[in-house]
Amino acid sequence: RKWREAGMKVYVYSSGSVEAQKLLFGYSTEGDILELFDGH
């Protein structure tokens, strides 16, 4: 959140598929945090 407020962009790069990434971050222990990422 702090990085994004400072104008930075945040991306995820994983050997797990984009679909799997979106599930992990969409149903996380911190709730749905997909909005924090600019791309996968």
PDB file of all heavy atoms in Angstrom:
ATOM      1  N   ARG A   1       0.849  -1.219   0.000  1.00  0.00           N
ATOM      2  CA  ARG A   1       0.000   0.000   0.000  1.00  0.00           C
ATOM      3  C   ARG A   1       0.875   1.257   0.000  1.00  0.00           C
ATOM      4  O   ARG A   1       0.606   2.227  -0.712  1.00  0.00           O
ATOM      5  CB  ARG A   1      -0.930   0.001   1.210  1.00  0.00           C
ATOM      6  CG  ARG A   1      -2.034  -1.043   1.142  1.00  0.00           C
ATOM      7  CD  ARG A   1      -3.165  -0.720   2.122  1.00  0.00           C
ATOM      8  NE  ARG A   1      -4.057  -1.861   2.282  1.00  0.00           N
ATOM      9  CZ  ARG A   1      -4.988  -2.241   1.405  1.00  0.00           C
ATOM     10  NH1 ARG A   1      -5.143  -1.563   0.276  1.00  0.00           N
ATOM     11  NH2 ARG A   1      -5.753  -3.282   1.647  1.00  0.00           N
ATOM     12  N   LYS A   2       1.939   1.217   0.795  1.00  0.00           N
ATOM     13  CA  LYS A   2       2.851   2.358   0.901  1.00  0.00           C
ATOM     14  C   LYS A   2       3.545   2.621  -0.446  1.00  0.00           C
ATOM     15  O   LYS A   2       3.665   3.770  -0.895  1.00  0.00           O
ATOM     16  CB  LYS A   2       3.890   2.032   1.984  1.00  0.00           C
ATOM     17  CG  LYS A   2       4.586   3.231   2.604  1.00  0.00           C
ATOM     18  CD  LYS A   2       5.366   2.716   3.812  1.00  0.00           C
ATOM     19  CE  LYS A   2       6.434   3.703   4.232  1.00  0.00           C
ATOM     20  NZ  LYS A   2       7.272   3.146   5.294  1.00  0.00           N
ATOM     21  N   TRP A   3       3.996   1.543  -1.080  1.00  0.00           N
ATOM     22  CA  TRP A   3       4.677   1.697  -2.370  1.00  0.00           C
ATOM     23  C   TRP A   3       3.740   2.302  -3.408  1.00  0.00           C
ATOM     24  O   TRP A   3       4.126   3.181  -4.174  1.00  0.00           O
ATOM     25  CB  TRP A   3       5.190   0.348  -2.874  1.00  0.00           C
ATOM     26  CG  TRP A   3       6.128  -0.354  -1.936  1.00  0.00           C
ATOM     27  CD1 TRP A   3       6.847   0.202  -0.912  1.00  0.00           C
ATOM     28  CD2 TRP A   3       6.437  -1.749  -1.922  1.00  0.00           C
ATOM     29  NE1 TRP A   3       7.575  -0.762  -0.265  1.00  0.00           N
ATOM     30  CE2 TRP A   3       7.352  -1.966  -0.857  1.00  0.00           C
ATOM     31  CE3 TRP A   3       6.041  -2.842  -2.696  1.00  0.00           C
ATOM     32  CZ2 TRP A   3       7.867  -3.222  -0.560  1.00  0.00           C
ATOM     33  CZ3 TRP A   3       6.551  -4.097  -2.412  1.00  0.00           C
ATOM     34  CH2 TRP A   3       7.465  -4.283  -1.348  1.00  0.00           C
ATOM     35  N   ARG A   4       2.495   1.807  -3.408  1.00  0.00           N
ATOM     36  CA  ARG A   4       1.533   2.302  -4.401  1.00  0.00           C
ATOM     37  C   ARG A   4       1.188   3.768  -4.148  1.00  0.00           C
ATOM     38  O   ARG A   4       1.033   4.551  -5.090  1.00  0.00           O
ATOM     39  CB  ARG A   4       0.280   1.429  -4.392  1.00  0.00           C
ATOM     40  CG  ARG A   4       0.537   0.029  -4.958  1.00  0.00           C
ATOM     41  CD  ARG A   4      -0.698  -0.839  -4.849  1.00  0.00           C
ATOM     42  NE  ARG A   4      -1.784  -0.308  -5.650  1.00  0.00           N
ATOM     43  CZ  ARG A   4      -2.008  -0.605  -6.932  1.00  0.00           C
ATOM     44  NH1 ARG A   4      -1.194  -1.450  -7.552  1.00  0.00           N
ATOM     45  NH2 ARG A   4      -3.018  -0.092  -7.584  1.00  0.00           N
ATOM     46  N   GLU A   5       1.089   4.122  -2.867  1.00  0.00           N
ATOM     47  CA  GLU A   5       0.824   5.528  -2.536  1.00  0.00           C
ATOM     48  C   GLU A   5       1.970   6.425  -3.018  1.00  0.00           C
ATOM     49  O   GLU A   5       1.772   7.597  -3.334  1.00  0.00           O
ATOM     50  CB  GLU A   5       0.625   5.698  -1.025  1.00  0.00           C
ATOM     51  CG  GLU A   5      -0.761   5.256  -0.544  1.00  0.00           C
ATOM     52  CD  GLU A   5      -0.807   5.039   0.958  1.00  0.00           C
ATOM     53  OE1 GLU A   5       0.112   5.508   1.666  1.00  0.00           O
ATOM     54  OE2 GLU A   5      -1.770   4.395   1.426  1.00  0.00           O
ATOM     55  N   ALA A   6       3.176   5.854  -3.062  1.00  0.00           N
ATOM     56  CA  ALA A   6       4.347   6.609  -3.529  1.00  0.00           C
ATOM     57  C   ALA A   6       4.435   6.630  -5.062  1.00  0.00           C
ATOM     58  O   ALA A   6       5.381   7.164  -5.627  1.00  0.00           O
ATOM     59  CB  ALA A   6       5.615   6.002  -2.944  1.00  0.00           C
ATOM     60  N   GLY A   7       3.443   6.032  -5.719  1.00  0.00           N
ATOM     61  CA  GLY A   7       3.388   6.076  -7.183  1.00  0.00           C
ATOM     62  C   GLY A   7       4.038   4.904  -7.875  1.00  0.00           C
ATOM     63  O   GLY A   7       4.220   4.918  -9.094  1.00  0.00           O
ATOM     64  N   MET A   8       4.417   3.876  -7.109  1.00  0.00           N
ATOM     65  CA  MET A   8       5.055   2.712  -7.728  1.00  0.00           C
ATOM     66  C   MET A   8       4.021   1.675  -8.169  1.00  0.00           C
ATOM     67  O   MET A   8       2.916   1.627  -7.636  1.00  0.00           O
ATOM     68  CB  MET A   8       6.032   2.072  -6.745  1.00  0.00           C
ATOM     69  CG  MET A   8       7.179   2.987  -6.415  1.00  0.00           C
ATOM     70  SD  MET A   8       8.195   2.314  -5.109  1.00  0.00           S
ATOM     71  CE  MET A   8       8.840   3.829  -4.435  1.00  0.00           C
ATOM     72  N   LYS A   9       4.437   0.851  -9.107  1.00  0.00           N
ATOM     73  CA  LYS A   9       3.574  -0.236  -9.567  1.00  0.00           C
ATOM     74  C   LYS A   9       4.136  -1.557  -9.057  1.00  0.00           C
ATOM     75  O   LYS A   9       5.345  -1.714  -8.918  1.00  0.00           O
ATOM     76  CB  LYS A   9       3.478  -0.234 -11.092  1.00  0.00           C
ATOM     77  CG  LYS A   9       2.747   0.995 -11.620  1.00  0.00           C
ATOM     78  CD  LYS A   9       2.413   0.855 -13.082  1.00  0.00           C
ATOM     79  CE  LYS A   9       1.528   2.014 -13.521  1.00  0.00           C
ATOM     80  NZ  LYS A   9       1.114   1.885 -14.923  1.00  0.00           N
ATOM     81  N   VAL A  10       3.228  -2.482  -8.797  1.00  0.00           N
ATOM     82  CA  VAL A  10       3.624  -3.772  -8.220  1.00  0.00           C
ATOM     83  C   VAL A  10       3.053  -4.898  -9.085  1.00  0.00           C
ATOM     84  O   VAL A  10       1.853  -4.922  -9.373  1.00  0.00           O
ATOM     85  CB  VAL A  10       3.104  -3.909  -6.767  1.00  0.00           C
ATOM     86  CG1 VAL A  10       3.544  -5.245  -6.161  1.00  0.00           C
ATOM     87  CG2 VAL A  10       3.593  -2.751  -5.913  1.00  0.00           C
ATOM     88  N   TYR A  11       3.939  -5.795  -9.481  1.00  0.00           N
ATOM     89  CA  TYR A  11       3.537  -6.928 -10.326  1.00  0.00           C
ATOM     90  C   TYR A  11       3.951  -8.240  -9.663  1.00  0.00           C
ATOM     91  O   TYR A  11       4.899  -8.278  -8.889  1.00  0.00           O
ATOM     92  CB  TYR A  11       4.215  -6.834 -11.700  1.00  0.00           C
ATOM     93  CG  TYR A  11       3.806  -5.634 -12.509  1.00  0.00           C
ATOM     94  CD1 TYR A  11       4.444  -4.407 -12.322  1.00  0.00           C
ATOM     95  CD2 TYR A  11       2.781  -5.721 -13.453  1.00  0.00           C
ATOM     96  CE1 TYR A  11       4.076  -3.292 -13.063  1.00  0.00           C
ATOM     97  CE2 TYR A  11       2.402  -4.610 -14.194  1.00  0.00           C
ATOM     98  CZ  TYR A  11       3.050  -3.391 -14.000  1.00  0.00           C
ATOM     99  OH  TYR A  11       2.675  -2.298 -14.727  1.00  0.00           O
ATOM    100  N   VAL A  12       3.228  -9.299 -10.017  1.00  0.00           N
ATOM    101  CA  VAL A  12       3.582 -10.641  -9.543  1.00  0.00           C
ATOM    102  C   VAL A  12       4.149 -11.433 -10.726  1.00  0.00           C
ATOM    103  O   VAL A  12       3.570 -11.428 -11.814  1.00  0.00           O
ATOM    104  CB  VAL A  12       2.352 -11.393  -8.982  1.00  0.00           C
ATOM    105  CG1 VAL A  12       2.778 -12.769  -8.454  1.00  0.00           C
ATOM    106  CG2 VAL A  12       1.676 -10.597  -7.893  1.00  0.00           C
ATOM    107  N   TYR A  13       5.280 -12.101 -10.503  1.00  0.00           N
ATOM    108  CA  TYR A  13       5.854 -13.021 -11.491  1.00  0.00           C
ATOM    109  C   TYR A  13       6.077 -14.343 -10.773  1.00  0.00           C
ATOM    110  O   TYR A  13       6.851 -14.410  -9.817  1.00  0.00           O
ATOM    111  CB  TYR A  13       7.170 -12.452 -12.029  1.00  0.00           C
ATOM    112  CG  TYR A  13       7.905 -13.331 -13.027  1.00  0.00           C
ATOM    113  CD1 TYR A  13       7.225 -14.216 -13.874  1.00  0.00           C
ATOM    114  CD2 TYR A  13       9.292 -13.266 -13.147  1.00  0.00           C
ATOM    115  CE1 TYR A  13       7.906 -14.995 -14.787  1.00  0.00           C
ATOM    116  CE2 TYR A  13       9.985 -14.032 -14.064  1.00  0.00           C
ATOM    117  CZ  TYR A  13       9.287 -14.905 -14.883  1.00  0.00           C
ATOM    118  OH  TYR A  13       9.967 -15.684 -15.799  1.00  0.00           O
ATOM    119  N   SER A  14       5.360 -15.367 -11.202  1.00  0.00           N
ATOM    120  CA  SER A  14       5.408 -16.650 -10.501  1.00  0.00           C
ATOM    121  C   SER A  14       5.435 -17.802 -11.486  1.00  0.00           C
ATOM    122  O   SER A  14       4.930 -17.693 -12.605  1.00  0.00           O
ATOM    123  CB  SER A  14       4.175 -16.778  -9.587  1.00  0.00           C
ATOM    124  OG  SER A  14       4.108 -18.067  -9.015  1.00  0.00           O
ATOM    125  N   SER A  15       6.023 -18.920 -11.060  1.00  0.00           N
ATOM    126  CA  SER A  15       5.944 -20.124 -11.878  1.00  0.00           C
ATOM    127  C   SER A  15       4.547 -20.730 -11.801  1.00  0.00           C
ATOM    128  O   SER A  15       4.169 -21.556 -12.617  1.00  0.00           O
ATOM    129  CB  SER A  15       7.001 -21.150 -11.457  1.00  0.00           C
ATOM    130  OG  SER A  15       6.981 -21.331 -10.069  1.00  0.00           O
ATOM    131  N   GLY A  16       3.759 -20.326 -10.802  1.00  0.00           N
ATOM    132  CA  GLY A  16       2.344 -20.694 -10.751  1.00  0.00           C
ATOM    133  C   GLY A  16       1.576 -19.883 -11.789  1.00  0.00           C
ATOM    134  O   GLY A  16       1.918 -18.734 -12.065  1.00  0.00           O
ATOM    135  N   SER A  17       0.540 -20.470 -12.376  1.00  0.00           N
ATOM    136  CA  SER A  17      -0.207 -19.795 -13.439  1.00  0.00           C
ATOM    137  C   SER A  17      -0.838 -18.496 -12.929  1.00  0.00           C
ATOM    138  O   SER A  17      -1.072 -18.323 -11.730  1.00  0.00           O
ATOM    139  CB  SER A  17      -1.313 -20.706 -13.971  1.00  0.00           C
ATOM    140  OG  SER A  17      -2.318 -20.888 -12.986  1.00  0.00           O
ATOM    141  N   VAL A  18      -1.136 -17.592 -13.859  1.00  0.00           N
ATOM    142  CA  VAL A  18      -1.814 -16.340 -13.497  1.00  0.00           C
ATOM    143  C   VAL A  18      -3.131 -16.650 -12.782  1.00  0.00           C
ATOM    144  O   VAL A  18      -3.483 -16.003 -11.793  1.00  0.00           O
ATOM    145  CB  VAL A  18      -2.052 -15.463 -14.753  1.00  0.00           C
ATOM    146  CG1 VAL A  18      -3.004 -14.315 -14.449  1.00  0.00           C
ATOM    147  CG2 VAL A  18      -0.719 -14.941 -15.284  1.00  0.00           C
ATOM    148  N   GLU A  19      -3.850 -17.666 -13.269  1.00  0.00           N
ATOM    149  CA  GLU A  19      -5.122 -18.047 -12.634  1.00  0.00           C
ATOM    150  C   GLU A  19      -4.886 -18.455 -11.177  1.00  0.00           C
ATOM    151  O   GLU A  19      -5.635 -18.050 -10.275  1.00  0.00           O
ATOM    152  CB  GLU A  19      -5.781 -19.188 -13.409  1.00  0.00           C
ATOM    153  CG  GLU A  19      -7.158 -19.562 -12.854  1.00  0.00           C
ATOM    154  CD  GLU A  19      -7.792 -20.745 -13.582  1.00  0.00           C
ATOM    155  OE1 GLU A  19      -7.051 -21.624 -14.056  1.00  0.00           O
ATOM    156  OE2 GLU A  19      -9.034 -20.787 -13.659  1.00  0.00           O
ATOM    157  N   ALA A  20      -3.841 -19.259 -10.930  1.00  0.00           N
ATOM    158  CA  ALA A  20      -3.529 -19.703  -9.562  1.00  0.00           C
ATOM    159  C   ALA A  20      -3.129 -18.519  -8.685  1.00  0.00           C
ATOM    160  O   ALA A  20      -3.493 -18.443  -7.512  1.00  0.00           O
ATOM    161  CB  ALA A  20      -2.415 -20.752  -9.588  1.00  0.00           C
ATOM    162  N   GLN A  21      -2.373 -17.572  -9.251  1.00  0.00           N
ATOM    163  CA  GLN A  21      -1.987 -16.374  -8.502  1.00  0.00           C
ATOM    164  C   GLN A  21      -3.220 -15.592  -8.062  1.00  0.00           C
ATOM    165  O   GLN A  21      -3.331 -15.144  -6.914  1.00  0.00           O
ATOM    166  CB  GLN A  21      -1.121 -15.462  -9.375  1.00  0.00           C
ATOM    167  CG  GLN A  21       0.231 -16.012  -9.772  1.00  0.00           C
ATOM    168  CD  GLN A  21       0.899 -15.101 -10.784  1.00  0.00           C
ATOM    169  OE1 GLN A  21       0.795 -13.883 -10.699  1.00  0.00           O
ATOM    170  NE2 GLN A  21       1.584 -15.677 -11.761  1.00  0.00           N
ATOM    171  N   LYS A  22      -4.159 -15.426  -8.990  1.00  0.00           N
ATOM    172  CA  LYS A  22      -5.350 -14.625  -8.691  1.00  0.00           C
ATOM    173  C   LYS A  22      -6.221 -15.298  -7.623  1.00  0.00           C
ATOM    174  O   LYS A  22      -6.851 -14.616  -6.819  1.00  0.00           O
ATOM    175  CB  LYS A  22      -6.143 -14.364  -9.975  1.00  0.00           C
ATOM    176  CG  LYS A  22      -5.422 -13.374 -10.885  1.00  0.00           C
ATOM    177  CD  LYS A  22      -6.220 -13.052 -12.134  1.00  0.00           C
ATOM    178  CE  LYS A  22      -5.513 -11.979 -12.953  1.00  0.00           C
ATOM    179  NZ  LYS A  22      -6.244 -11.667 -14.204  1.00  0.00           N
ATOM    180  N   LEU A  23      -6.233 -16.612  -7.615  1.00  0.00           N
ATOM    181  CA  LEU A  23      -6.959 -17.331  -6.556  1.00  0.00           C
ATOM    182  C   LEU A  23      -6.290 -17.095  -5.206  1.00  0.00           C
ATOM    183  O   LEU A  23      -6.951 -16.795  -4.212  1.00  0.00           O
ATOM    184  CB  LEU A  23      -7.007 -18.835  -6.857  1.00  0.00           C
ATOM    185  CG  LEU A  23      -7.941 -19.281  -7.979  1.00  0.00           C
ATOM    186  CD1 LEU A  23      -7.722 -20.750  -8.295  1.00  0.00           C
ATOM    187  CD2 LEU A  23      -9.394 -19.028  -7.613  1.00  0.00           C
ATOM    188  N   LEU A  24      -4.953 -17.224  -5.176  1.00  0.00           N
ATOM    189  CA  LEU A  24      -4.216 -17.072  -3.924  1.00  0.00           C
ATOM    190  C   LEU A  24      -4.426 -15.678  -3.323  1.00  0.00           C
ATOM    191  O   LEU A  24      -4.696 -15.537  -2.132  1.00  0.00           O
ATOM    192  CB  LEU A  24      -2.736 -17.340  -4.173  1.00  0.00           C
ATOM    193  CG  LEU A  24      -1.839 -17.476  -2.930  1.00  0.00           C
ATOM    194  CD1 LEU A  24      -0.672 -18.408  -3.230  1.00  0.00           C
ATOM    195  CD2 LEU A  24      -1.300 -16.136  -2.463  1.00  0.00           C
ATOM    196  N   PHE A  25      -4.325 -14.641  -4.166  1.00  0.00           N
ATOM    197  CA  PHE A  25      -4.455 -13.272  -3.663  1.00  0.00           C
ATOM    198  C   PHE A  25      -5.919 -12.838  -3.523  1.00  0.00           C
ATOM    199  O   PHE A  25      -6.221 -11.929  -2.758  1.00  0.00           O
ATOM    200  CB  PHE A  25      -3.687 -12.300  -4.563  1.00  0.00           C
ATOM    201  CG  PHE A  25      -2.202 -12.516  -4.531  1.00  0.00           C
ATOM    202  CD1 PHE A  25      -1.511 -12.944  -5.658  1.00  0.00           C
ATOM    203  CD2 PHE A  25      -1.479 -12.310  -3.363  1.00  0.00           C
ATOM    204  CE1 PHE A  25      -0.134 -13.158  -5.627  1.00  0.00           C
ATOM    205  CE2 PHE A  25      -0.098 -12.527  -3.318  1.00  0.00           C
ATOM    206  CZ  PHE A  25       0.558 -12.948  -4.452  1.00  0.00           C
ATOM    207  N   GLY A  26      -6.802 -13.490  -4.278  1.00  0.00           N
ATOM    208  CA  GLY A  26      -8.230 -13.162  -4.179  1.00  0.00           C
ATOM    209  C   GLY A  26      -8.881 -13.755  -2.946  1.00  0.00           C
ATOM    210  O   GLY A  26      -9.866 -13.217  -2.426  1.00  0.00           O
ATOM    211  N   TYR A  27      -8.341 -14.880  -2.480  1.00  0.00           N
ATOM    212  CA  TYR A  27      -8.888 -15.563  -1.291  1.00  0.00           C
ATOM    213  C   TYR A  27      -7.762 -15.734  -0.273  1.00  0.00           C
ATOM    214  O   TYR A  27      -7.365 -16.847   0.055  1.00  0.00           O
ATOM    215  CB  TYR A  27      -9.459 -16.930  -1.675  1.00  0.00           C
ATOM    216  CG  TYR A  27     -10.623 -16.880  -2.636  1.00  0.00           C
ATOM    217  CD1 TYR A  27     -10.420 -17.008  -4.007  1.00  0.00           C
ATOM    218  CD2 TYR A  27     -11.939 -16.715  -2.182  1.00  0.00           C
ATOM    219  CE1 TYR A  27     -11.483 -16.965  -4.906  1.00  0.00           C
ATOM    220  CE2 TYR A  27     -13.006 -16.686  -3.074  1.00  0.00           C
ATOM    221  CZ  TYR A  27     -12.774 -16.807  -4.428  1.00  0.00           C
ATOM    222  OH  TYR A  27     -13.835 -16.772  -5.301  1.00  0.00           O
ATOM    223  N   SER A  28      -7.232 -14.628   0.204  1.00  0.00           N
ATOM    224  CA  SER A  28      -6.069 -14.706   1.087  1.00  0.00           C
ATOM    225  C   SER A  28      -6.450 -14.520   2.547  1.00  0.00           C
ATOM    226  O   SER A  28      -7.578 -14.135   2.876  1.00  0.00           O
ATOM    227  CB  SER A  28      -5.050 -13.622   0.693  1.00  0.00           C
ATOM    228  OG  SER A  28      -5.345 -12.385   1.320  1.00  0.00           O
ATOM    229  N   THR A  29      -5.484 -14.762   3.433  1.00  0.00           N
ATOM    230  CA  THR A  29      -5.696 -14.543   4.865  1.00  0.00           C
ATOM    231  C   THR A  29      -5.892 -13.059   5.172  1.00  0.00           C
ATOM    232  O   THR A  29      -6.352 -12.698   6.246  1.00  0.00           O
ATOM    233  CB  THR A  29      -4.489 -15.073   5.668  1.00  0.00           C
ATOM    234  OG1 THR A  29      -3.271 -14.580   5.069  1.00  0.00           O
ATOM    235  CG2 THR A  29      -4.454 -16.594   5.666  1.00  0.00           C
ATOM    236  N   GLU A  30      -5.562 -12.181   4.199  1.00  0.00           N
ATOM    237  CA  GLU A  30      -5.783 -10.736   4.345  1.00  0.00           C
ATOM    238  C   GLU A  30      -6.986 -10.278   3.532  1.00  0.00           C
ATOM    239  O   GLU A  30      -7.172  -9.079   3.310  1.00  0.00           O
ATOM    240  CB  GLU A  30      -4.527  -9.971   3.880  1.00  0.00           C
ATOM    241  CG  GLU A  30      -3.262 -10.326   4.642  1.00  0.00           C
ATOM    242  CD  GLU A  30      -3.303  -9.867   6.093  1.00  0.00           C
ATOM    243  OE1 GLU A  30      -3.642  -8.702   6.331  1.00  0.00           O
ATOM    244  OE2 GLU A  30      -3.007 -10.688   6.982  1.00  0.00           O
ATOM    245  N   GLY A  31      -7.809 -11.225   3.080  1.00  0.00           N
ATOM    246  CA  GLY A  31      -8.965 -10.888   2.248  1.00  0.00           C
ATOM    247  C   GLY A  31      -8.591 -10.839   0.773  1.00  0.00           C
ATOM    248  O   GLY A  31      -7.555 -11.357   0.357  1.00  0.00           O
ATOM    249  N   ASP A  32      -9.425 -10.194  -0.037  1.00  0.00           N
ATOM    250  CA  ASP A  32      -9.164 -10.058  -1.468  1.00  0.00           C
ATOM    251  C   ASP A  32      -8.213  -8.884  -1.665  1.00  0.00           C
ATOM    252  O   ASP A  32      -8.588  -7.728  -1.476  1.00  0.00           O
ATOM    253  CB  ASP A  32     -10.481  -9.801  -2.216  1.00  0.00           C
ATOM    254  CG  ASP A  32     -10.280  -9.670  -3.730  1.00  0.00           C
ATOM    255  OD1 ASP A  32      -9.115  -9.627  -4.174  1.00  0.00           O
ATOM    256  OD2 ASP A  32     -11.284  -9.606  -4.448  1.00  0.00           O
ATOM    257  N   ILE A  33      -6.957  -9.181  -2.037  1.00  0.00           N
ATOM    258  CA  ILE A  33      -5.962  -8.109  -2.185  1.00  0.00           C
ATOM    259  C   ILE A  33      -5.498  -7.964  -3.642  1.00  0.00           C
ATOM    260  O   ILE A  33      -4.443  -7.388  -3.919  1.00  0.00           O
ATOM    261  CB  ILE A  33      -4.745  -8.336  -1.250  1.00  0.00           C
ATOM    262  CG1 ILE A  33      -4.074  -9.686  -1.524  1.00  0.00           C
ATOM    263  CG2 ILE A  33      -5.157  -8.215   0.208  1.00  0.00           C
ATOM    264  CD1 ILE A  33      -2.739  -9.862  -0.797  1.00  0.00           C
ATOM    265  N   LEU A  34      -6.309  -8.448  -4.571  1.00  0.00           N
ATOM    266  CA  LEU A  34      -5.939  -8.363  -5.985  1.00  0.00           C
ATOM    267  C   LEU A  34      -5.752  -6.924  -6.443  1.00  0.00           C
ATOM    268  O   LEU A  34      -4.963  -6.647  -7.342  1.00  0.00           O
ATOM    269  CB  LEU A  34      -7.003  -9.053  -6.849  1.00  0.00           C
ATOM    270  CG  LEU A  34      -6.915 -10.578  -6.929  1.00  0.00           C
ATOM    271  CD1 LEU A  34      -8.133 -11.143  -7.630  1.00  0.00           C
ATOM    272  CD2 LEU A  34      -5.642 -11.010  -7.643  1.00  0.00           C
ATOM    273  N   GLU A  35      -6.477  -5.999  -5.824  1.00  0.00           N
ATOM    274  CA  GLU A  35      -6.392  -4.589  -6.222  1.00  0.00           C
ATOM    275  C   GLU A  35      -4.985  -4.010  -6.006  1.00  0.00           C
ATOM    276  O   GLU A  35      -4.652  -2.960  -6.557  1.00  0.00           O
ATOM    277  CB  GLU A  35      -7.399  -3.762  -5.430  1.00  0.00           C
ATOM    278  CG  GLU A  35      -7.093  -3.762  -3.932  1.00  0.00           C
ATOM    279  CD  GLU A  35      -7.994  -2.844  -3.115  1.00  0.00           C
ATOM    280  OE1 GLU A  35      -9.054  -2.441  -3.619  1.00  0.00           O
ATOM    281  OE2 GLU A  35      -7.606  -2.536  -1.977  1.00  0.00           O
ATOM    282  N   LEU A  36      -4.169  -4.680  -5.196  1.00  0.00           N
ATOM    283  CA  LEU A  36      -2.823  -4.167  -4.903  1.00  0.00           C
ATOM    284  C   LEU A  36      -1.842  -4.406  -6.042  1.00  0.00           C
ATOM    285  O   LEU A  36      -0.730  -3.880  -6.020  1.00  0.00           O
ATOM    286  CB  LEU A  36      -2.269  -4.819  -3.632  1.00  0.00           C
ATOM    287  CG  LEU A  36      -3.031  -4.551  -2.336  1.00  0.00           C
ATOM    288  CD1 LEU A  36      -2.348  -5.252  -1.172  1.00  0.00           C
ATOM    289  CD2 LEU A  36      -3.135  -3.049  -2.057  1.00  0.00           C
ATOM    290  N   PHE A  37      -2.233  -5.213  -7.028  1.00  0.00           N
ATOM    291  CA  PHE A  37      -1.289  -5.586  -8.084  1.00  0.00           C
ATOM    292  C   PHE A  37      -1.696  -4.993  -9.432  1.00  0.00           C
ATOM    293  O   PHE A  37      -2.867  -4.981  -9.789  1.00  0.00           O
ATOM    294  CB  PHE A  37      -1.187  -7.112  -8.183  1.00  0.00           C
ATOM    295  CG  PHE A  37      -0.767  -7.744  -6.888  1.00  0.00           C
ATOM    296  CD1 PHE A  37      -1.689  -8.395  -6.078  1.00  0.00           C
ATOM    297  CD2 PHE A  37       0.544  -7.649  -6.449  1.00  0.00           C
ATOM    298  CE1 PHE A  37      -1.308  -8.948  -4.868  1.00  0.00           C
ATOM    299  CE2 PHE A  37       0.939  -8.202  -5.242  1.00  0.00           C
ATOM    300  CZ  PHE A  37       0.006  -8.845  -4.445  1.00  0.00           C
ATOM    301  N   ASP A  38      -0.705  -4.511 -10.152  1.00  0.00           N
ATOM    302  CA  ASP A  38      -0.942  -3.890 -11.454  1.00  0.00           C
ATOM    303  C   ASP A  38      -0.936  -4.901 -12.590  1.00  0.00           C
ATOM    304  O   ASP A  38      -1.302  -4.575 -13.715  1.00  0.00           O
ATOM    305  CB  ASP A  38       0.115  -2.816 -11.708  1.00  0.00           C
ATOM    306  CG  ASP A  38      -0.028  -1.653 -10.736  1.00  0.00           C
ATOM    307  OD1 ASP A  38      -0.892  -0.798 -10.962  1.00  0.00           O
ATOM    308  OD2 ASP A  38       0.712  -1.622  -9.727  1.00  0.00           O
ATOM    309  N   GLY A  39      -0.517  -6.128 -12.303  1.00  0.00           N
ATOM    310  CA  GLY A  39      -0.505  -7.154 -13.336  1.00  0.00           C
ATOM    311  C   GLY A  39       0.161  -8.421 -12.840  1.00  0.00           C
ATOM    312  O   GLY A  39       0.760  -8.452 -11.763  1.00  0.00           O
ATOM    313  N   HIS A  40       0.002  -9.477 -13.625  1.00  0.00           N
ATOM    314  CA  HIS A  40       0.513 -10.804 -13.257  1.00  0.00           C
ATOM    315  C   HIS A  40       1.248 -11.422 -14.434  1.00  0.00           C
ATOM    316  O   HIS A  40       0.809 -11.311 -15.578  1.00  0.00           O
ATOM    317  CB  HIS A  40      -0.640 -11.729 -12.854  1.00  0.00           C
ATOM    318  CG  HIS A  40      -1.423 -11.250 -11.678  1.00  0.00           C
ATOM    319  ND1 HIS A  40      -1.243 -11.746 -10.407  1.00  0.00           N
ATOM    320  CD2 HIS A  40      -2.374 -10.288 -11.569  1.00  0.00           C
ATOM    321  CE1 HIS A  40      -2.058 -11.122  -9.574  1.00  0.00           C
ATOM    322  NE2 HIS A  40      -2.752 -10.234 -10.254  1.00  0.00           N
TER     323      HIS A  40
END
